[in-house]
């Protein structure tokens, strides 16, 4: 039997994020301890936004497993230089 995993899902509460949460809940083990943080709403203690900063979350939805950002979600975000290049801005 594998160890219980602590899975944190960071969202913005939008339909795309909510669909991702549904898919993750269906796909993950039933033993996983899943916590969903809606960064748009925030939380009473601001813990969710502090955790997002600690984990270097730059876009949502994002997943953290046992305190480590999943490879799909680590340090991603808007690539300003790529956008500027596509807009023809130097």
N, C-alpha and C. Protein backbone atom coordinates (compact mmCIF):
# COMPACT_ATOMS: atom_id res chain seq x y z
N UNK A 1 0.84 -1.18 0.00
CA UNK A 1 0.00 0.00 0.00
C UNK A 1 0.89 1.24 0.00
N UNK A 2 0.58 2.20 -0.86
CA UNK A 2 1.40 3.41 -0.95
C UNK A 2 1.02 4.41 0.12
N UNK A 3 1.94 5.32 0.39
CA UNK A 3 1.72 6.34 1.41
C UNK A 3 0.66 7.33 0.94
N UNK A 4 -0.06 7.88 1.87
CA UNK A 4 -1.06 8.89 1.57
C UNK A 4 -0.37 10.15 1.07
N UNK A 5 -0.87 10.71 -0.01
CA UNK A 5 -0.29 11.91 -0.61
C UNK A 5 -1.11 13.14 -0.20
N UNK A 6 -0.40 14.24 0.01
CA UNK A 6 -1.05 15.52 0.27
C UNK A 6 -1.01 16.30 -1.04
N UNK A 7 -2.17 16.52 -1.65
CA UNK A 7 -2.26 17.20 -2.94
C UNK A 7 -2.96 18.54 -2.75
N UNK A 8 -2.27 19.61 -3.16
CA UNK A 8 -2.85 20.94 -3.10
C UNK A 8 -3.09 21.41 -4.53
N UNK A 9 -4.30 21.88 -4.80
CA UNK A 9 -4.65 22.37 -6.13
C UNK A 9 -4.97 23.86 -6.00
N UNK A 10 -4.25 24.66 -6.76
CA UNK A 10 -4.44 26.11 -6.74
C UNK A 10 -5.24 26.50 -7.99
N UNK A 11 -6.32 27.26 -7.78
CA UNK A 11 -7.19 27.65 -8.89
C UNK A 11 -7.51 29.14 -8.80
N UNK A 12 -8.24 29.61 -9.82
CA UNK A 12 -8.77 30.97 -9.80
C UNK A 12 -10.29 30.94 -9.75
N UNK A 13 -10.84 29.75 -9.56
CA UNK A 13 -12.29 29.61 -9.46
C UNK A 13 -13.03 29.72 -10.80
N UNK A 14 -12.29 29.73 -11.89
CA UNK A 14 -12.91 29.86 -13.21
C UNK A 14 -13.38 28.49 -13.70
N UNK A 15 -14.21 28.46 -14.75
CA UNK A 15 -14.69 27.17 -15.27
C UNK A 15 -13.56 26.22 -15.70
N UNK A 16 -12.50 26.74 -16.27
CA UNK A 16 -11.39 25.87 -16.69
C UNK A 16 -10.74 25.24 -15.47
N UNK A 17 -10.52 26.03 -14.44
CA UNK A 17 -9.92 25.51 -13.21
C UNK A 17 -10.84 24.49 -12.55
N UNK A 18 -12.12 24.78 -12.51
CA UNK A 18 -13.07 23.88 -11.86
C UNK A 18 -13.12 22.54 -12.58
N UNK A 19 -13.04 22.55 -13.92
CA UNK A 19 -13.00 21.31 -14.68
C UNK A 19 -11.73 20.53 -14.35
N UNK A 20 -10.61 21.24 -14.22
CA UNK A 20 -9.35 20.58 -13.86
C UNK A 20 -9.45 19.95 -12.48
N UNK A 21 -10.08 20.63 -11.54
CA UNK A 21 -10.25 20.09 -10.19
C UNK A 21 -11.07 18.81 -10.25
N UNK A 22 -12.15 18.83 -11.01
CA UNK A 22 -13.00 17.65 -11.17
C UNK A 22 -12.21 16.49 -11.75
N UNK A 23 -11.43 16.75 -12.81
CA UNK A 23 -10.63 15.71 -13.43
C UNK A 23 -9.58 15.17 -12.47
N UNK A 24 -8.94 16.04 -11.73
CA UNK A 24 -7.92 15.61 -10.77
C UNK A 24 -8.53 14.77 -9.66
N UNK A 25 -9.67 15.19 -9.14
CA UNK A 25 -10.34 14.41 -8.09
C UNK A 25 -10.68 13.01 -8.60
N UNK A 26 -11.14 12.92 -9.85
CA UNK A 26 -11.49 11.62 -10.43
C UNK A 26 -10.25 10.76 -10.67
N UNK A 27 -9.13 11.39 -11.03
CA UNK A 27 -7.93 10.65 -11.42
C UNK A 27 -7.05 10.26 -10.24
N UNK A 28 -7.07 11.02 -9.17
CA UNK A 28 -6.16 10.78 -8.06
C UNK A 28 -6.66 9.65 -7.17
N UNK A 29 -5.75 9.13 -6.40
CA UNK A 29 -6.08 8.05 -5.49
C UNK A 29 -7.14 8.50 -4.48
N UNK A 30 -7.92 7.55 -4.06
CA UNK A 30 -8.97 7.87 -3.09
C UNK A 30 -8.41 8.16 -1.71
N UNK A 31 -7.16 7.76 -1.48
CA UNK A 31 -6.51 8.02 -0.19
C UNK A 31 -5.87 9.39 -0.12
N UNK A 32 -5.77 10.08 -1.25
CA UNK A 32 -5.10 11.38 -1.27
C UNK A 32 -5.87 12.40 -0.46
N UNK A 33 -5.12 13.21 0.25
CA UNK A 33 -5.70 14.34 0.98
C UNK A 33 -5.64 15.53 0.03
N UNK A 34 -6.77 15.93 -0.54
CA UNK A 34 -6.82 16.97 -1.56
C UNK A 34 -7.34 18.26 -0.95
N UNK A 35 -6.59 19.35 -1.13
CA UNK A 35 -7.00 20.67 -0.69
C UNK A 35 -7.03 21.57 -1.92
N UNK A 36 -8.15 22.28 -2.11
CA UNK A 36 -8.27 23.20 -3.24
C UNK A 36 -8.24 24.62 -2.70
N UNK A 37 -7.35 25.42 -3.26
CA UNK A 37 -7.24 26.83 -2.88
C UNK A 37 -7.68 27.69 -4.06
N UNK A 38 -8.72 28.48 -3.86
CA UNK A 38 -9.18 29.43 -4.88
C UNK A 38 -8.48 30.75 -4.60
N UNK A 39 -7.47 31.05 -5.39
CA UNK A 39 -6.67 32.26 -5.17
C UNK A 39 -7.45 33.53 -5.46
N UNK A 40 -8.50 33.42 -6.26
CA UNK A 40 -9.34 34.58 -6.54
C UNK A 40 -10.11 34.99 -5.28
N UNK A 41 -10.64 34.02 -4.57
CA UNK A 41 -11.38 34.30 -3.33
C UNK A 41 -10.43 34.55 -2.16
N UNK A 42 -9.28 33.88 -2.22
CA UNK A 42 -8.37 33.97 -1.08
C UNK A 42 -8.84 33.05 0.04
N UNK A 43 -8.22 33.16 1.18
CA UNK A 43 -8.64 32.39 2.34
C UNK A 43 -8.51 33.27 3.57
N UNK A 44 -9.15 32.86 4.63
CA UNK A 44 -9.23 33.69 5.83
C UNK A 44 -7.87 34.16 6.34
N UNK A 45 -6.88 33.30 6.29
CA UNK A 45 -5.57 33.63 6.84
C UNK A 45 -4.57 34.07 5.78
N UNK A 46 -4.99 34.11 4.52
CA UNK A 46 -4.13 34.42 3.38
C UNK A 46 -3.08 33.34 3.16
N UNK A 47 -3.26 32.20 3.82
CA UNK A 47 -2.34 31.07 3.70
C UNK A 47 -2.20 30.62 2.25
N UNK A 48 -3.31 30.60 1.51
CA UNK A 48 -3.27 30.08 0.14
C UNK A 48 -2.39 30.94 -0.75
N UNK A 49 -2.46 32.24 -0.62
CA UNK A 49 -1.63 33.12 -1.45
C UNK A 49 -0.16 33.05 -1.04
N UNK A 50 0.08 32.89 0.25
CA UNK A 50 1.46 32.74 0.73
C UNK A 50 2.06 31.43 0.22
N UNK A 51 1.26 30.36 0.25
CA UNK A 51 1.74 29.08 -0.26
C UNK A 51 2.03 29.18 -1.76
N UNK A 52 1.15 29.84 -2.51
CA UNK A 52 1.37 29.99 -3.95
C UNK A 52 2.68 30.72 -4.21
N UNK A 53 2.97 31.72 -3.41
CA UNK A 53 4.22 32.46 -3.55
C UNK A 53 5.41 31.57 -3.19
N UNK A 54 5.30 30.82 -2.12
CA UNK A 54 6.36 29.92 -1.69
C UNK A 54 6.65 28.87 -2.76
N UNK A 55 5.60 28.34 -3.38
CA UNK A 55 5.76 27.32 -4.41
C UNK A 55 6.09 27.90 -5.79
N UNK A 56 6.18 29.22 -5.89
CA UNK A 56 6.49 29.90 -7.15
C UNK A 56 5.45 29.62 -8.23
N UNK A 57 4.19 29.60 -7.82
CA UNK A 57 3.10 29.37 -8.77
C UNK A 57 2.83 30.66 -9.51
N UNK A 58 2.90 30.59 -10.82
CA UNK A 58 2.73 31.77 -11.67
C UNK A 58 1.47 31.68 -12.53
N UNK A 59 0.87 30.49 -12.62
CA UNK A 59 -0.36 30.32 -13.39
C UNK A 59 -1.18 29.21 -12.75
N UNK A 60 -2.45 29.24 -13.02
CA UNK A 60 -3.37 28.25 -12.45
C UNK A 60 -4.20 27.63 -13.57
N UNK A 61 -4.69 26.43 -13.39
CA UNK A 61 -4.56 25.61 -12.20
C UNK A 61 -3.14 25.09 -12.03
N UNK A 62 -2.78 24.88 -10.79
CA UNK A 62 -1.46 24.35 -10.45
C UNK A 62 -1.61 23.29 -9.37
N UNK A 63 -0.73 22.30 -9.41
CA UNK A 63 -0.82 21.18 -8.48
C UNK A 63 0.49 21.05 -7.72
N UNK A 64 0.39 20.84 -6.41
CA UNK A 64 1.54 20.61 -5.55
C UNK A 64 1.30 19.28 -4.84
N UNK A 65 2.28 18.39 -4.91
CA UNK A 65 2.16 17.07 -4.30
C UNK A 65 3.21 16.93 -3.21
N UNK A 66 2.73 16.71 -2.02
CA UNK A 66 3.63 16.57 -0.85
C UNK A 66 4.64 17.71 -0.76
N UNK A 67 4.17 18.93 -0.98
CA UNK A 67 5.00 20.12 -0.82
C UNK A 67 5.89 20.44 -2.00
N UNK A 68 5.77 19.70 -3.10
CA UNK A 68 6.61 19.94 -4.27
C UNK A 68 5.71 20.18 -5.49
N UNK A 69 5.89 21.34 -6.17
CA UNK A 69 5.08 21.60 -7.36
C UNK A 69 5.26 20.49 -8.39
N UNK A 70 4.15 20.03 -8.95
CA UNK A 70 4.20 19.04 -10.02
C UNK A 70 4.94 19.64 -11.20
N UNK A 71 5.61 18.80 -11.97
CA UNK A 71 6.42 19.31 -13.09
C UNK A 71 5.60 20.13 -14.08
N UNK A 72 4.31 19.86 -14.16
CA UNK A 72 3.46 20.62 -15.07
C UNK A 72 3.22 22.05 -14.59
N UNK A 73 3.53 22.33 -13.34
CA UNK A 73 3.06 23.57 -12.73
C UNK A 73 4.14 24.41 -12.07
N UNK A 74 5.38 24.07 -12.26
CA UNK A 74 6.45 24.74 -11.54
C UNK A 74 6.98 25.95 -12.30
N UNK A 75 6.82 27.13 -11.71
CA UNK A 75 7.41 28.35 -12.26
C UNK A 75 6.90 28.78 -13.61
N UNK A 76 5.76 28.25 -14.01
CA UNK A 76 5.20 28.64 -15.30
C UNK A 76 4.56 30.01 -15.17
N UNK A 77 4.17 30.55 -16.26
CA UNK A 77 3.51 31.85 -16.27
C UNK A 77 3.69 32.46 -17.64
N UNK A 78 3.36 33.69 -17.76
CA UNK A 78 3.47 34.39 -19.04
C UNK A 78 4.94 34.64 -19.35
N UNK A 79 5.33 34.31 -20.56
CA UNK A 79 6.68 34.61 -21.04
C UNK A 79 6.60 35.96 -21.74
N UNK A 80 6.90 37.02 -21.02
CA UNK A 80 6.77 38.38 -21.53
C UNK A 80 7.61 38.58 -22.79
N UNK A 81 8.81 38.05 -22.80
CA UNK A 81 9.67 38.20 -23.98
C UNK A 81 9.06 37.54 -25.21
N UNK A 82 8.46 36.36 -25.04
CA UNK A 82 7.82 35.67 -26.17
C UNK A 82 6.64 36.49 -26.70
N UNK A 83 5.86 37.06 -25.81
CA UNK A 83 4.72 37.89 -26.23
C UNK A 83 5.21 39.12 -26.98
N UNK A 84 6.25 39.74 -26.45
CA UNK A 84 6.81 40.92 -27.12
C UNK A 84 7.31 40.57 -28.52
N UNK A 85 8.00 39.43 -28.64
CA UNK A 85 8.48 39.01 -29.97
C UNK A 85 7.32 38.81 -30.94
N UNK A 86 6.25 38.15 -30.48
CA UNK A 86 5.10 37.89 -31.34
C UNK A 86 4.38 39.18 -31.73
N UNK A 87 4.50 40.20 -30.91
CA UNK A 87 3.89 41.48 -31.20
C UNK A 87 4.83 42.39 -31.99
N UNK A 88 6.04 41.91 -32.24
CA UNK A 88 7.01 42.71 -32.99
C UNK A 88 7.66 43.80 -32.16
N UNK A 89 7.61 43.65 -30.85
CA UNK A 89 8.23 44.65 -29.95
C UNK A 89 9.61 44.14 -29.57
N UNK A 90 10.58 45.04 -29.65
CA UNK A 90 11.96 44.65 -29.30
C UNK A 90 12.34 45.15 -27.95
